[in-house]
Amino acid sequence: VQLQASGGGLVQAGDSLTLSCAVSGRTFSSYPVGWFRQAPGKEREFVSVISSSGSRTYYADSVKGRFTISRDNAKNTLYLQMNSLKPEDTARYYCAAKLVFSYTYSWWGQGTLVTVSS
């Protein structure tokens, strides 16, 4: 499975941004996929995950109500709609995929940088 994240950039606080992650290599609809982020000097943290069918989603408390994860299985693409961005959302965002019954993510994209200025 190969993942390619895109859509990052420099925005101002309060702005919106949508990240995309193109997935190839295997049947995209078979895998739960998620977003993680890593800010400078910090450890990587979980942001959100969506089930293989798209029927279930989970969010970190820090982004709940502001971010929306979605997927288009016909286009093999994962999305992260980010609204009301804050400077603390500044990080490199990674998309990742895992097997349904696994706790760990087996495949990772290269990340896309999001910078939120105050």
PDB file of N, CA and C in Angstrom:
ATOM      1  N   VAL A   1       0.854  -1.187   0.000  1.00  0.00           N
ATOM      2  CA  VAL A   1       0.000   0.000   0.000  1.00  0.00           C
ATOM      3  C   VAL A   1       0.891   1.239   0.000  1.00  0.00           C
ATOM      4  N   GLN A   2       0.634   2.139  -0.936  1.00  0.00           N
ATOM      5  CA  GLN A   2       1.377   3.408  -0.990  1.00  0.00           C
ATOM      6  C   GLN A   2       0.414   4.557  -0.712  1.00  0.00           C
ATOM      7  N   LEU A   3       0.868   5.494   0.090  1.00  0.00           N
ATOM      8  CA  LEU A   3       0.050   6.638   0.455  1.00  0.00           C
ATOM      9  C   LEU A   3       0.798   7.920   0.122  1.00  0.00           C
ATOM     10  N   GLN A   4       0.079   8.875  -0.440  1.00  0.00           N
ATOM     11  CA  GLN A   4       0.666  10.152  -0.830  1.00  0.00           C
ATOM     12  C   GLN A   4      -0.224  11.279  -0.318  1.00  0.00           C
ATOM     13  N   ALA A   5       0.253  11.981   0.700  1.00  0.00           N
ATOM     14  CA  ALA A   5      -0.505  13.087   1.275  1.00  0.00           C
ATOM     15  C   ALA A   5      -0.203  14.379   0.539  1.00  0.00           C
ATOM     16  N   SER A   6      -1.193  15.243   0.473  1.00  0.00           N
ATOM     17  CA  SER A   6      -1.020  16.542  -0.171  1.00  0.00           C
ATOM     18  C   SER A   6      -2.014  17.524   0.426  1.00  0.00           C
ATOM     19  N   GLY A   7      -1.831  18.808   0.068  1.00  0.00           N
ATOM     20  CA  GLY A   7      -2.781  19.822   0.487  1.00  0.00           C
ATOM     21  C   GLY A   7      -2.316  20.729   1.600  1.00  0.00           C
ATOM     22  N   GLY A   8      -1.151  20.470   2.144  1.00  0.00           N
ATOM     23  CA  GLY A   8      -0.641  21.321   3.204  1.00  0.00           C
ATOM     24  C   GLY A   8      -0.268  22.696   2.684  1.00  0.00           C
ATOM     25  N   GLY A   9       0.000  23.606   3.608  1.00  0.00           N
ATOM     26  CA  GLY A   9       0.388  24.945   3.220  1.00  0.00           C
ATOM     27  C   GLY A   9       0.422  25.880   4.404  1.00  0.00           C
ATOM     28  N   LEU A  10       0.605  27.154   4.100  1.00  0.00           N
ATOM     29  CA  LEU A  10       0.640  28.195   5.124  1.00  0.00           C
ATOM     30  C   LEU A  10      -0.693  28.927   5.135  1.00  0.00           C
ATOM     31  N   VAL A  11      -1.350  28.929   6.290  1.00  0.00           N
ATOM     32  CA  VAL A  11      -2.634  29.602   6.435  1.00  0.00           C
ATOM     33  C   VAL A  11      -2.617  30.427   7.711  1.00  0.00           C
ATOM     34  N   GLN A  12      -3.634  31.256   7.855  1.00  0.00           N
ATOM     35  CA  GLN A  12      -3.767  32.065   9.070  1.00  0.00           C
ATOM     36  C   GLN A  12      -4.719  31.399  10.048  1.00  0.00           C
ATOM     37  N   ALA A  13      -4.585  31.736  11.296  1.00  0.00           N
ATOM     38  CA  ALA A  13      -5.488  31.214  12.309  1.00  0.00           C
ATOM     39  C   ALA A  13      -6.929  31.533  11.924  1.00  0.00           C
ATOM     40  N   GLY A  14      -7.784  30.523  12.075  1.00  0.00           N
ATOM     41  CA  GLY A  14      -9.180  30.670  11.718  1.00  0.00           C
ATOM     42  C   GLY A  14      -9.509  30.204  10.318  1.00  0.00           C
ATOM     43  N   ASP A  15      -8.495  30.003   9.507  1.00  0.00           N
ATOM     44  CA  ASP A  15      -8.711  29.548   8.133  1.00  0.00           C
ATOM     45  C   ASP A  15      -9.043  28.064   8.098  1.00  0.00           C
ATOM     46  N   SER A  16      -9.385  27.612   6.901  1.00  0.00           N
ATOM     47  CA  SER A  16      -9.672  26.197   6.664  1.00  0.00           C
ATOM     48  C   SER A  16      -8.696  25.635   5.637  1.00  0.00           C
ATOM     49  N   LEU A  17      -8.514  24.333   5.695  1.00  0.00           N
ATOM     50  CA  LEU A  17      -7.616  23.651   4.767  1.00  0.00           C
ATOM     51  C   LEU A  17      -8.078  22.209   4.654  1.00  0.00           C
ATOM     52  N   THR A  18      -7.972  21.647   3.465  1.00  0.00           N
ATOM     53  CA  THR A  18      -8.325  20.244   3.270  1.00  0.00           C
ATOM     54  C   THR A  18      -7.115  19.466   2.802  1.00  0.00           C
ATOM     55  N   LEU A  19      -6.788  18.431   3.538  1.00  0.00           N
ATOM     56  CA  LEU A  19      -5.706  17.532   3.148  1.00  0.00           C
ATOM     57  C   LEU A  19      -6.289  16.344   2.399  1.00  0.00           C
ATOM     58  N   SER A  20      -5.515  15.832   1.463  1.00  0.00           N
ATOM     59  CA  SER A  20      -5.895  14.641   0.724  1.00  0.00           C
ATOM     60  C   SER A  20      -4.799  13.601   0.847  1.00  0.00           C
ATOM     61  N   CYS A  21      -5.185  12.366   0.711  1.00  0.00           N
ATOM     62  CA  CYS A  21      -4.220  11.271   0.737  1.00  0.00           C
ATOM     63  C   CYS A  21      -4.645  10.266  -0.319  1.00  0.00           C
ATOM     64  N   ALA A  22      -3.862  10.160  -1.362  1.00  0.00           N
ATOM     65  CA  ALA A  22      -4.125   9.199  -2.424  1.00  0.00           C
ATOM     66  C   ALA A  22      -3.497   7.868  -2.044  1.00  0.00           C
ATOM     67  N   VAL A  23      -4.277   6.806  -2.139  1.00  0.00           N
ATOM     68  CA  VAL A  23      -3.826   5.483  -1.721  1.00  0.00           C
ATOM     69  C   VAL A  23      -3.843   4.541  -2.909  1.00  0.00           C
ATOM     70  N   SER A  24      -2.783   3.787  -3.067  1.00  0.00           N
ATOM     71  CA  SER A  24      -2.707   2.835  -4.169  1.00  0.00           C
ATOM     72  C   SER A  24      -2.032   1.562  -3.683  1.00  0.00           C
ATOM     73  N   GLY A  25      -2.136   0.523  -4.487  1.00  0.00           N
ATOM     74  CA  GLY A  25      -1.429  -0.714  -4.210  1.00  0.00           C
ATOM     75  C   GLY A  25      -2.312  -1.881  -3.837  1.00  0.00           C
ATOM     76  N   ARG A  26      -3.350  -1.633  -3.081  1.00  0.00           N
ATOM     77  CA  ARG A  26      -4.264  -2.702  -2.692  1.00  0.00           C
ATOM     78  C   ARG A  26      -5.669  -2.142  -2.633  1.00  0.00           C
ATOM     79  N   THR A  27      -6.601  -2.930  -2.256  1.00  0.00           N
ATOM     80  CA  THR A  27      -7.987  -2.502  -2.208  1.00  0.00           C
ATOM     81  C   THR A  27      -8.172  -1.496  -1.071  1.00  0.00           C
ATOM     82  N   PHE A  28      -8.310  -0.236  -1.449  1.00  0.00           N
ATOM     83  CA  PHE A  28      -8.393   0.839  -0.463  1.00  0.00           C
ATOM     84  C   PHE A  28      -9.526   0.611   0.508  1.00  0.00           C
ATOM     85  N   SER A  29     -10.654   0.140   0.009  1.00  0.00           N
ATOM     86  CA  SER A  29     -11.838   0.003   0.852  1.00  0.00           C
ATOM     87  C   SER A  29     -11.703  -1.072   1.917  1.00  0.00           C
ATOM     88  N   SER A  30     -10.635  -1.827   1.899  1.00  0.00           N
ATOM     89  CA  SER A  30     -10.430  -2.878   2.901  1.00  0.00           C
ATOM     90  C   SER A  30      -9.787  -2.362   4.180  1.00  0.00           C
ATOM     91  N   TYR A  31      -9.257  -1.153   4.149  1.00  0.00           N
ATOM     92  CA  TYR A  31      -8.413  -0.691   5.240  1.00  0.00           C
ATOM     93  C   TYR A  31      -8.976   0.526   5.966  1.00  0.00           C
ATOM     94  N   PRO A  32      -8.956   0.467   7.285  1.00  0.00           N
ATOM     95  CA  PRO A  32      -9.151   1.720   8.032  1.00  0.00           C
ATOM     96  C   PRO A  32      -7.954   2.620   7.747  1.00  0.00           C
ATOM     97  N   VAL A  33      -8.199   3.908   7.646  1.00  0.00           N
ATOM     98  CA  VAL A  33      -7.122   4.851   7.384  1.00  0.00           C
ATOM     99  C   VAL A  33      -7.250   6.041   8.332  1.00  0.00           C
ATOM    100  N   GLY A  34      -6.137   6.637   8.628  1.00  0.00           N
ATOM    101  CA  GLY A  34      -6.167   7.716   9.592  1.00  0.00           C
ATOM    102  C   GLY A  34      -5.151   8.803   9.308  1.00  0.00           C
ATOM    103  N   TRP A  35      -5.245   9.843  10.098  1.00  0.00           N
ATOM    104  CA  TRP A  35      -4.313  10.960  10.043  1.00  0.00           C
ATOM    105  C   TRP A  35      -3.604  11.092  11.385  1.00  0.00           C
ATOM    106  N   PHE A  36      -2.330  11.371  11.287  1.00  0.00           N
ATOM    107  CA  PHE A  36      -1.500  11.662  12.441  1.00  0.00           C
ATOM    108  C   PHE A  36      -0.768  12.966  12.158  1.00  0.00           C
ATOM    109  N   ARG A  37      -0.189  13.565  13.184  1.00  0.00           N
ATOM    110  CA  ARG A  37       0.595  14.769  12.962  1.00  0.00           C
ATOM    111  C   ARG A  37       1.773  14.816  13.921  1.00  0.00           C
ATOM    112  N   GLN A  38       2.789  15.516  13.497  1.00  0.00           N
ATOM    113  CA  GLN A  38       3.968  15.681  14.330  1.00  0.00           C
ATOM    114  C   GLN A  38       4.431  17.130  14.246  1.00  0.00           C
ATOM    115  N   ALA A  39       4.352  17.804  15.372  1.00  0.00           N
ATOM    116  CA  ALA A  39       4.819  19.178  15.450  1.00  0.00           C
ATOM    117  C   ALA A  39       6.317  19.194  15.730  1.00  0.00           C
ATOM    118  N   PRO A  40       6.992  20.278  15.389  1.00  0.00           N
ATOM    119  CA  PRO A  40       8.436  20.364  15.642  1.00  0.00           C
ATOM    120  C   PRO A  40       8.766  20.129  17.112  1.00  0.00           C
ATOM    121  N   GLY A  41       9.683  19.207  17.360  1.00  0.00           N
ATOM    122  CA  GLY A  41      10.111  18.934  18.712  1.00  0.00           C
ATOM    123  C   GLY A  41       9.159  18.092  19.528  1.00  0.00           C
ATOM    124  N   LYS A  42       8.111  17.600  18.907  1.00  0.00           N
ATOM    125  CA  LYS A  42       7.133  16.791  19.632  1.00  0.00           C
ATOM    126  C   LYS A  42       6.983  15.426  19.000  1.00  0.00           C
ATOM    127  N   GLU A  43       6.355  14.539  19.751  1.00  0.00           N
ATOM    128  CA  GLU A  43       6.118  13.204  19.228  1.00  0.00           C
ATOM    129  C   GLU A  43       4.906  13.209  18.296  1.00  0.00           C
ATOM    130  N   ARG A  44       4.879  12.233  17.432  1.00  0.00           N
ATOM    131  CA  ARG A  44       3.731  12.097  16.544  1.00  0.00           C
ATOM    132  C   ARG A  44       2.486  11.764  17.364  1.00  0.00           C
ATOM    133  N   GLU A  45       1.362  12.354  16.985  1.00  0.00           N
ATOM    134  CA  GLU A  45       0.125  12.116  17.713  1.00  0.00           C
ATOM    135  C   GLU A  45      -1.013  11.777  16.762  1.00  0.00           C
ATOM    136  N   PHE A  46      -1.951  11.049  17.289  1.00  0.00           N
ATOM    137  CA  PHE A  46      -3.142  10.654  16.544  1.00  0.00           C
ATOM    138  C   PHE A  46      -4.045  11.861  16.333  1.00  0.00           C
ATOM    139  N   VAL A  47      -4.622  11.953  15.144  1.00  0.00           N
ATOM    140  CA  VAL A  47      -5.577  13.017  14.847  1.00  0.00           C
ATOM    141  C   VAL A  47      -6.975  12.443  14.628  1.00  0.00           C
ATOM    142  N   SER A  48      -7.082  11.487  13.708  1.00  0.00           N
ATOM    143  CA  SER A  48      -8.393  10.949  13.375  1.00  0.00           C
ATOM    144  C   SER A  48      -8.238   9.650  12.614  1.00  0.00           C
ATOM    145  N   VAL A  49      -9.281   8.825  12.657  1.00  0.00           N
ATOM    146  CA  VAL A  49      -9.298   7.584  11.902  1.00  0.00           C
ATOM    147  C   VAL A  49     -10.712   7.359  11.392  1.00  0.00           C
ATOM    148  N   ILE A  50     -10.805   6.676  10.270  1.00  0.00           N
ATOM    149  CA  ILE A  50     -12.095   6.339   9.682  1.00  0.00           C
ATOM    150  C   ILE A  50     -12.092   4.865   9.320  1.00  0.00           C
ATOM    151  N   SER A  51     -13.212   4.203   9.551  1.00  0.00           N
ATOM    152  CA  SER A  51     -13.305   2.777   9.266  1.00  0.00           C
ATOM    153  C   SER A  51     -13.255   2.520   7.770  1.00  0.00           C
ATOM    154  N   SER A  52     -13.088   1.261   7.407  1.00  0.00           N
ATOM    155  CA  SER A  52     -12.932   0.911   6.002  1.00  0.00           C
ATOM    156  C   SER A  52     -14.158   1.300   5.172  1.00  0.00           C
ATOM    157  N   SER A  53     -15.328   1.210   5.759  1.00  0.00           N
ATOM    158  CA  SER A  53     -16.547   1.574   5.039  1.00  0.00           C
ATOM    159  C   SER A  53     -16.851   3.059   5.114  1.00  0.00           C
ATOM    160  N   GLY A  54     -16.218   3.731   6.057  1.00  0.00           N
ATOM    161  CA  GLY A  54     -16.498   5.149   6.280  1.00  0.00           C
ATOM    162  C   GLY A  54     -17.603   5.417   7.267  1.00  0.00           C
ATOM    163  N   SER A  55     -18.153   4.365   7.854  1.00  0.00           N
ATOM    164  CA  SER A  55     -19.308   4.542   8.729  1.00  0.00           C
ATOM    165  C   SER A  55     -18.931   5.000  10.140  1.00  0.00           C
ATOM    166  N   ARG A  56     -17.683   4.798  10.526  1.00  0.00           N
ATOM    167  CA  ARG A  56     -17.250   5.190  11.864  1.00  0.00           C
ATOM    168  C   ARG A  56     -16.025   6.076  11.797  1.00  0.00           C
ATOM    169  N   THR A  57     -16.036   7.091  12.616  1.00  0.00           N
ATOM    170  CA  THR A  57     -14.901   8.007  12.702  1.00  0.00           C
ATOM    171  C   THR A  57     -14.566   8.300  14.152  1.00  0.00           C
ATOM    172  N   TYR A  58     -13.305   8.600  14.387  1.00  0.00           N
ATOM    173  CA  TYR A  58     -12.844   8.944  15.732  1.00  0.00           C
ATOM    174  C   TYR A  58     -11.872  10.107  15.618  1.00  0.00           C
ATOM    175  N   TYR A  59     -11.880  10.957  16.627  1.00  0.00           N
ATOM    176  CA  TYR A  59     -11.045  12.148  16.604  1.00  0.00           C
ATOM    177  C   TYR A  59     -10.330  12.336  17.941  1.00  0.00           C
ATOM    178  N   ALA A  60      -9.175  12.927  17.851  1.00  0.00           N
ATOM    179  CA  ALA A  60      -8.508  13.389  19.070  1.00  0.00           C
ATOM    180  C   ALA A  60      -9.318  14.544  19.643  1.00  0.00           C
ATOM    181  N   ASP A  61      -9.308  14.663  20.951  1.00  0.00           N
ATOM    182  CA  ASP A  61     -10.077  15.727  21.591  1.00  0.00           C
ATOM    183  C   ASP A  61      -9.654  17.104  21.093  1.00  0.00           C
ATOM    184  N   SER A  62      -8.395  17.245  20.766  1.00  0.00           N
ATOM    185  CA  SER A  62      -7.871  18.554  20.356  1.00  0.00           C
ATOM    186  C   SER A  62      -8.430  19.034  19.023  1.00  0.00           C
ATOM    187  N   VAL A  63      -8.981  18.133  18.215  1.00  0.00           N
ATOM    188  CA  VAL A  63      -9.493  18.533  16.894  1.00  0.00           C
ATOM    189  C   VAL A  63     -10.988  18.267  16.750  1.00  0.00           C
ATOM    190  N   LYS A  64     -11.584  17.637  17.732  1.00  0.00           N
ATOM    191  CA  LYS A  64     -12.999  17.289  17.660  1.00  0.00           C
ATOM    192  C   LYS A  64     -13.838  18.547  17.483  1.00  0.00           C
ATOM    193  N   GLY A  65     -14.746  18.504  16.519  1.00  0.00           N
ATOM    194  CA  GLY A  65     -15.596  19.656  16.245  1.00  0.00           C
ATOM    195  C   GLY A  65     -15.016  20.619  15.235  1.00  0.00           C
ATOM    196  N   ARG A  66     -13.731  20.489  14.941  1.00  0.00           N
ATOM    197  CA  ARG A  66     -13.084  21.371  13.957  1.00  0.00           C
ATOM    198  C   ARG A  66     -12.640  20.616  12.711  1.00  0.00           C
ATOM    199  N   PHE A  67     -12.222  19.374  12.885  1.00  0.00           N
ATOM    200  CA  PHE A  67     -11.729  18.566  11.766  1.00  0.00           C
ATOM    201  C   PHE A  67     -12.767  17.508  11.397  1.00  0.00           C
ATOM    202  N   THR A  68     -12.806  17.175  10.119  1.00  0.00           N
ATOM    203  CA  THR A  68     -13.687  16.113   9.634  1.00  0.00           C
ATOM    204  C   THR A  68     -12.910  15.199   8.713  1.00  0.00           C
ATOM    205  N   ILE A  69     -12.914  13.928   9.050  1.00  0.00           N
ATOM    206  CA  ILE A  69     -12.255  12.937   8.202  1.00  0.00           C
ATOM    207  C   ILE A  69     -13.297  12.286   7.298  1.00  0.00           C
ATOM    208  N   SER A  70     -12.896  11.994   6.089  1.00  0.00           N
ATOM    209  CA  SER A  70     -13.803  11.318   5.158  1.00  0.00           C
ATOM    210  C   SER A  70     -12.975  10.540   4.153  1.00  0.00           C
ATOM    211  N   ARG A  71     -13.647   9.683   3.420  1.00  0.00           N
ATOM    212  CA  ARG A  71     -12.953   8.887   2.405  1.00  0.00           C
ATOM    213  C   ARG A  71     -13.875   8.681   1.222  1.00  0.00           C
ATOM    214  N   ASP A  72     -13.262   8.554   0.073  1.00  0.00           N
ATOM    215  CA  ASP A  72     -13.977   8.228  -1.159  1.00  0.00           C
ATOM    216  C   ASP A  72     -13.360   6.944  -1.682  1.00  0.00           C
ATOM    217  N   ASN A  73     -14.009   5.838  -1.418  1.00  0.00           N
ATOM    218  CA  ASN A  73     -13.434   4.547  -1.807  1.00  0.00           C
ATOM    219  C   ASN A  73     -13.393   4.360  -3.323  1.00  0.00           C
ATOM    220  N   ALA A  74     -14.241   5.048  -4.029  1.00  0.00           N
ATOM    221  CA  ALA A  74     -14.217   4.968  -5.492  1.00  0.00           C
ATOM    222  C   ALA A  74     -12.995   5.682  -6.067  1.00  0.00           C
ATOM    223  N   LYS A  75     -12.514   6.677  -5.330  1.00  0.00           N
ATOM    224  CA  LYS A  75     -11.347   7.440  -5.788  1.00  0.00           C
ATOM    225  C   LYS A  75     -10.077   7.065  -5.040  1.00  0.00           C
ATOM    226  N   ASN A  76     -10.178   6.089  -4.134  1.00  0.00           N
ATOM    227  CA  ASN A  76      -9.017   5.674  -3.339  1.00  0.00           C
ATOM    228  C   ASN A  76      -8.361   6.858  -2.639  1.00  0.00           C
ATOM    229  N   THR A  77      -9.170   7.705  -2.054  1.00  0.00           N
ATOM    230  CA  THR A  77      -8.659   8.924  -1.460  1.00  0.00           C
ATOM    231  C   THR A  77      -9.241   9.159  -0.075  1.00  0.00           C
ATOM    232  N   LEU A  78      -8.372   9.589   0.801  1.00  0.00           N
ATOM    233  CA  LEU A  78      -8.732   9.968   2.170  1.00  0.00           C
ATOM    234  C   LEU A  78      -8.622  11.486   2.283  1.00  0.00           C
ATOM    235  N   TYR A  79      -9.511  12.084   3.082  1.00  0.00           N
ATOM    236  CA  TYR A  79      -9.505  13.532   3.242  1.00  0.00           C
ATOM    237  C   TYR A  79      -9.491  13.915   4.725  1.00  0.00           C
ATOM    238  N   LEU A  80      -9.010  15.108   4.969  1.00  0.00           N
ATOM    239  CA  LEU A  80      -9.130  15.699   6.292  1.00  0.00           C
ATOM    240  C   LEU A  80      -9.479  17.176   6.105  1.00  0.00           C
ATOM    241  N   GLN A  81     -10.733  17.505   6.403  1.00  0.00           N
ATOM    242  CA  GLN A  81     -11.176  18.891   6.337  1.00  0.00           C
ATOM    243  C   GLN A  81     -10.879  19.543   7.678  1.00  0.00           C
ATOM    244  N   MET A  82     -10.084  20.593   7.641  1.00  0.00           N
ATOM    245  CA  MET A  82      -9.668  21.259   8.868  1.00  0.00           C
ATOM    246  C   MET A  82     -10.210  22.683   8.891  1.00  0.00           C
ATOM    247  N   ASN A  83     -11.043  22.959   9.862  1.00  0.00           N
ATOM    248  CA  ASN A  83     -11.631  24.283  10.013  1.00  0.00           C
ATOM    249  C   ASN A  83     -11.134  24.941  11.295  1.00  0.00           C
ATOM    250  N   SER A  84     -11.302  26.249  11.356  1.00  0.00           N
ATOM    251  CA  SER A  84     -10.920  27.010  12.561  1.00  0.00           C
ATOM    252  C   SER A  84      -9.515  26.645  13.025  1.00  0.00           C
ATOM    253  N   LEU A  85      -8.604  26.677  12.103  1.00  0.00           N
ATOM    254  CA  LEU A  85      -7.234  26.256  12.414  1.00  0.00           C
ATOM    255  C   LEU A  85      -6.593  27.180  13.436  1.00  0.00           C
ATOM    256  N   LYS A  86      -5.765  26.576  14.271  1.00  0.00           N
ATOM    257  CA  LYS A  86      -5.069  27.282  15.335  1.00  0.00           C
ATOM    258  C   LYS A  86      -3.557  27.127  15.139  1.00  0.00           C
ATOM    259  N   PRO A  87      -2.780  28.037  15.674  1.00  0.00           N
ATOM    260  CA  PRO A  87      -1.317  27.884  15.546  1.00  0.00           C
ATOM    261  C   PRO A  87      -0.820  26.550  16.087  1.00  0.00           C
ATOM    262  N   GLU A  88      -1.485  26.021  17.096  1.00  0.00           N
ATOM    263  CA  GLU A  88      -1.066  24.730  17.655  1.00  0.00           C
ATOM    264  C   GLU A  88      -1.379  23.551  16.748  1.00  0.00           C
ATOM    265  N   ASP A  89      -2.080  23.792  15.650  1.00  0.00           N
ATOM    266  CA  ASP A  89      -2.298  22.744  14.650  1.00  0.00           C
ATOM    267  C   ASP A  89      -1.115  22.640  13.688  1.00  0.00           C
ATOM    268  N   THR A  90      -0.159  23.530  13.808  1.00  0.00           N
ATOM    269  CA  THR A  90       1.021  23.488  12.954  1.00  0.00           C
ATOM    270  C   THR A  90       1.776  22.184  13.162  1.00  0.00           C
ATOM    271  N   ALA A  91       1.969  21.445  12.082  1.00  0.00           N
ATOM    272  CA  ALA A  91       2.614  20.134  12.160  1.00  0.00           C
ATOM    273  C   ALA A  91       2.747  19.561  10.761  1.00  0.00           C
ATOM    274  N   ARG A  92       3.508  18.508  10.678  1.00  0.00           N
ATOM    275  CA  ARG A  92       3.476  17.696   9.456  1.00  0.00           C
ATOM    276  C   ARG A  92       2.419  16.632   9.655  1.00  0.00           C
ATOM    277  N   TYR A  93       1.515  16.540   8.712  1.00  0.00           N
ATOM    278  CA  TYR A  93       0.397  15.617   8.792  1.00  0.00           C
ATOM    279  C   TYR A  93       0.661  14.393   7.924  1.00  0.00           C
ATOM    280  N   TYR A  94       0.446  13.236   8.514  1.00  0.00           N
ATOM    281  CA  TYR A  94       0.698  11.970   7.841  1.00  0.00           C
ATOM    282  C   TYR A  94      -0.600  11.167   7.731  1.00  0.00           C
ATOM    283  N   CYS A  95      -0.784  10.540   6.593  1.00  0.00           N
ATOM    284  CA  CYS A  95      -1.873   9.579   6.476  1.00  0.00           C
ATOM    285  C   CYS A  95      -1.285   8.175   6.614  1.00  0.00           C
ATOM    286  N   ALA A  96      -2.099   7.280   7.116  1.00  0.00           N
ATOM    287  CA  ALA A  96      -1.630   5.924   7.377  1.00  0.00           C
ATOM    288  C   ALA A  96      -2.784   4.946   7.238  1.00  0.00           C
ATOM    289  N   ALA A  97      -2.439   3.698   6.941  1.00  0.00           N
ATOM    290  CA  ALA A  97      -3.433   2.649   6.776  1.00  0.00           C
ATOM    291  C   ALA A  97      -3.057   1.436   7.626  1.00  0.00           C
ATOM    292  N   LYS A  98      -4.073   0.702   8.026  1.00  0.00           N
ATOM    293  CA  LYS A  98      -3.803  -0.480   8.841  1.00  0.00           C
ATOM    294  C   LYS A  98      -4.779  -1.578   8.493  1.00  0.00           C
ATOM    295  N   LEU A  99      -4.454  -2.765   8.937  1.00  0.00           N
ATOM    296  CA  LEU A  99      -5.376  -3.881   8.801  1.00  0.00           C
ATOM    297  C   LEU A  99      -6.527  -3.684   9.788  1.00  0.00           C
ATOM    298  N   VAL A 100      -7.660  -4.253   9.477  1.00  0.00           N
ATOM    299  CA  VAL A 100      -8.868  -4.014  10.262  1.00  0.00           C
ATOM    300  C   VAL A 100      -8.674  -4.360  11.733  1.00  0.00           C
ATOM    301  N   PHE A 101      -8.066  -5.495  12.035  1.00  0.00           N
ATOM    302  CA  PHE A 101      -7.973  -5.950  13.429  1.00  0.00           C
ATOM    303  C   PHE A 101      -6.618  -5.657  14.052  1.00  0.00           C
ATOM    304  N   SER A 102      -5.874  -4.783  13.437  1.00  0.00           N
ATOM    305  CA  SER A 102      -4.564  -4.426  13.961  1.00  0.00           C
ATOM    306  C   SER A 102      -4.637  -3.126  14.758  1.00  0.00           C
ATOM    307  N   TYR A 103      -3.817  -3.031  15.789  1.00  0.00           N
ATOM    308  CA  TYR A 103      -3.718  -1.799  16.563  1.00  0.00           C
ATOM    309  C   TYR A 103      -2.671  -0.861  15.988  1.00  0.00           C
ATOM    310  N   THR A 104      -1.822  -1.388  15.160  1.00  0.00           N
ATOM    311  CA  THR A 104      -0.750  -0.577  14.602  1.00  0.00           C
ATOM    312  C   THR A 104      -0.981  -0.310  13.121  1.00  0.00           C
ATOM    313  N   TYR A 105      -0.445   0.802  12.662  1.00  0.00           N
ATOM    314  CA  TYR A 105      -0.554   1.189  11.266  1.00  0.00           C
ATOM    315  C   TYR A 105       0.662   0.666  10.499  1.00  0.00           C
ATOM    316  N   SER A 106       0.379  -0.035   9.442  1.00  0.00           N
ATOM    317  CA  SER A 106       1.449  -0.706   8.706  1.00  0.00           C
ATOM    318  C   SER A 106       2.020   0.130   7.569  1.00  0.00           C
ATOM    319  N   TRP A 107       1.221   1.043   7.044  1.00  0.00           N
ATOM    320  CA  TRP A 107       1.652   1.807   5.872  1.00  0.00           C
ATOM    321  C   TRP A 107       1.478   3.299   6.141  1.00  0.00           C
ATOM    322  N   TRP A 108       2.494   4.066   5.747  1.00  0.00           N
ATOM    323  CA  TRP A 108       2.511   5.501   6.037  1.00  0.00           C
ATOM    324  C   TRP A 108       2.856   6.297   4.789  1.00  0.00           C
ATOM    325  N   GLY A 109       2.252   7.466   4.691  1.00  0.00           N
ATOM    326  CA  GLY A 109       2.628   8.402   3.646  1.00  0.00           C
ATOM    327  C   GLY A 109       3.782   9.272   4.124  1.00  0.00           C
ATOM    328  N   GLN A 110       4.243  10.152   3.248  1.00  0.00           N
ATOM    329  CA  GLN A 110       5.435  10.950   3.542  1.00  0.00           C
ATOM    330  C   GLN A 110       5.129  12.212   4.327  1.00  0.00           C
ATOM    331  N   GLY A 111       3.865  12.569   4.420  1.00  0.00           N
ATOM    332  CA  GLY A 111       3.502  13.744   5.191  1.00  0.00           C
ATOM    333  C   GLY A 111       3.393  15.008   4.366  1.00  0.00           C
ATOM    334  N   THR A 112       2.554  15.916   4.849  1.00  0.00           N
ATOM    335  CA  THR A 112       2.405  17.223   4.227  1.00  0.00           C
ATOM    336  C   THR A 112       2.383  18.260   5.346  1.00  0.00           C
ATOM    337  N   LEU A 113       3.084  19.362   5.130  1.00  0.00           N
ATOM    338  CA  LEU A 113       3.286  20.343   6.192  1.00  0.00           C
ATOM    339  C   LEU A 113       2.165  21.372   6.225  1.00  0.00           C
ATOM    340  N   VAL A 114       1.612  21.551   7.405  1.00  0.00           N
ATOM    341  CA  VAL A 114       0.598  22.581   7.637  1.00  0.00           C
ATOM    342  C   VAL A 114       1.171  23.582   8.637  1.00  0.00           C
ATOM    343  N   THR A 115       1.182  24.843   8.241  1.00  0.00           N
ATOM    344  CA  THR A 115       1.668  25.902   9.119  1.00  0.00           C
ATOM    345  C   THR A 115       0.557  26.923   9.317  1.00  0.00           C
ATOM    346  N   VAL A 116       0.215  27.166  10.569  1.00  0.00           N
ATOM    347  CA  VAL A 116      -0.855  28.109  10.895  1.00  0.00           C
ATOM    348  C   VAL A 116      -0.241  29.296  11.625  1.00  0.00           C
ATOM    349  N   SER A 117      -0.340  30.452  11.003  1.00  0.00           N
ATOM    350  CA  SER A 117       0.210  31.656  11.620  1.00  0.00           C
ATOM    351  C   SER A 117      -0.848  32.361  12.458  1.00  0.00           C
ATOM    352  N   SER A 118      -0.396  33.032  13.493  1.00  0.00           N
ATOM    353  CA  SER A 118      -1.336  33.721  14.399  1.00  0.00           C
ATOM    354  C   SER A 118      -1.603  35.147  13.943  1.00  0.00           C
TER     355      SER A 118
END
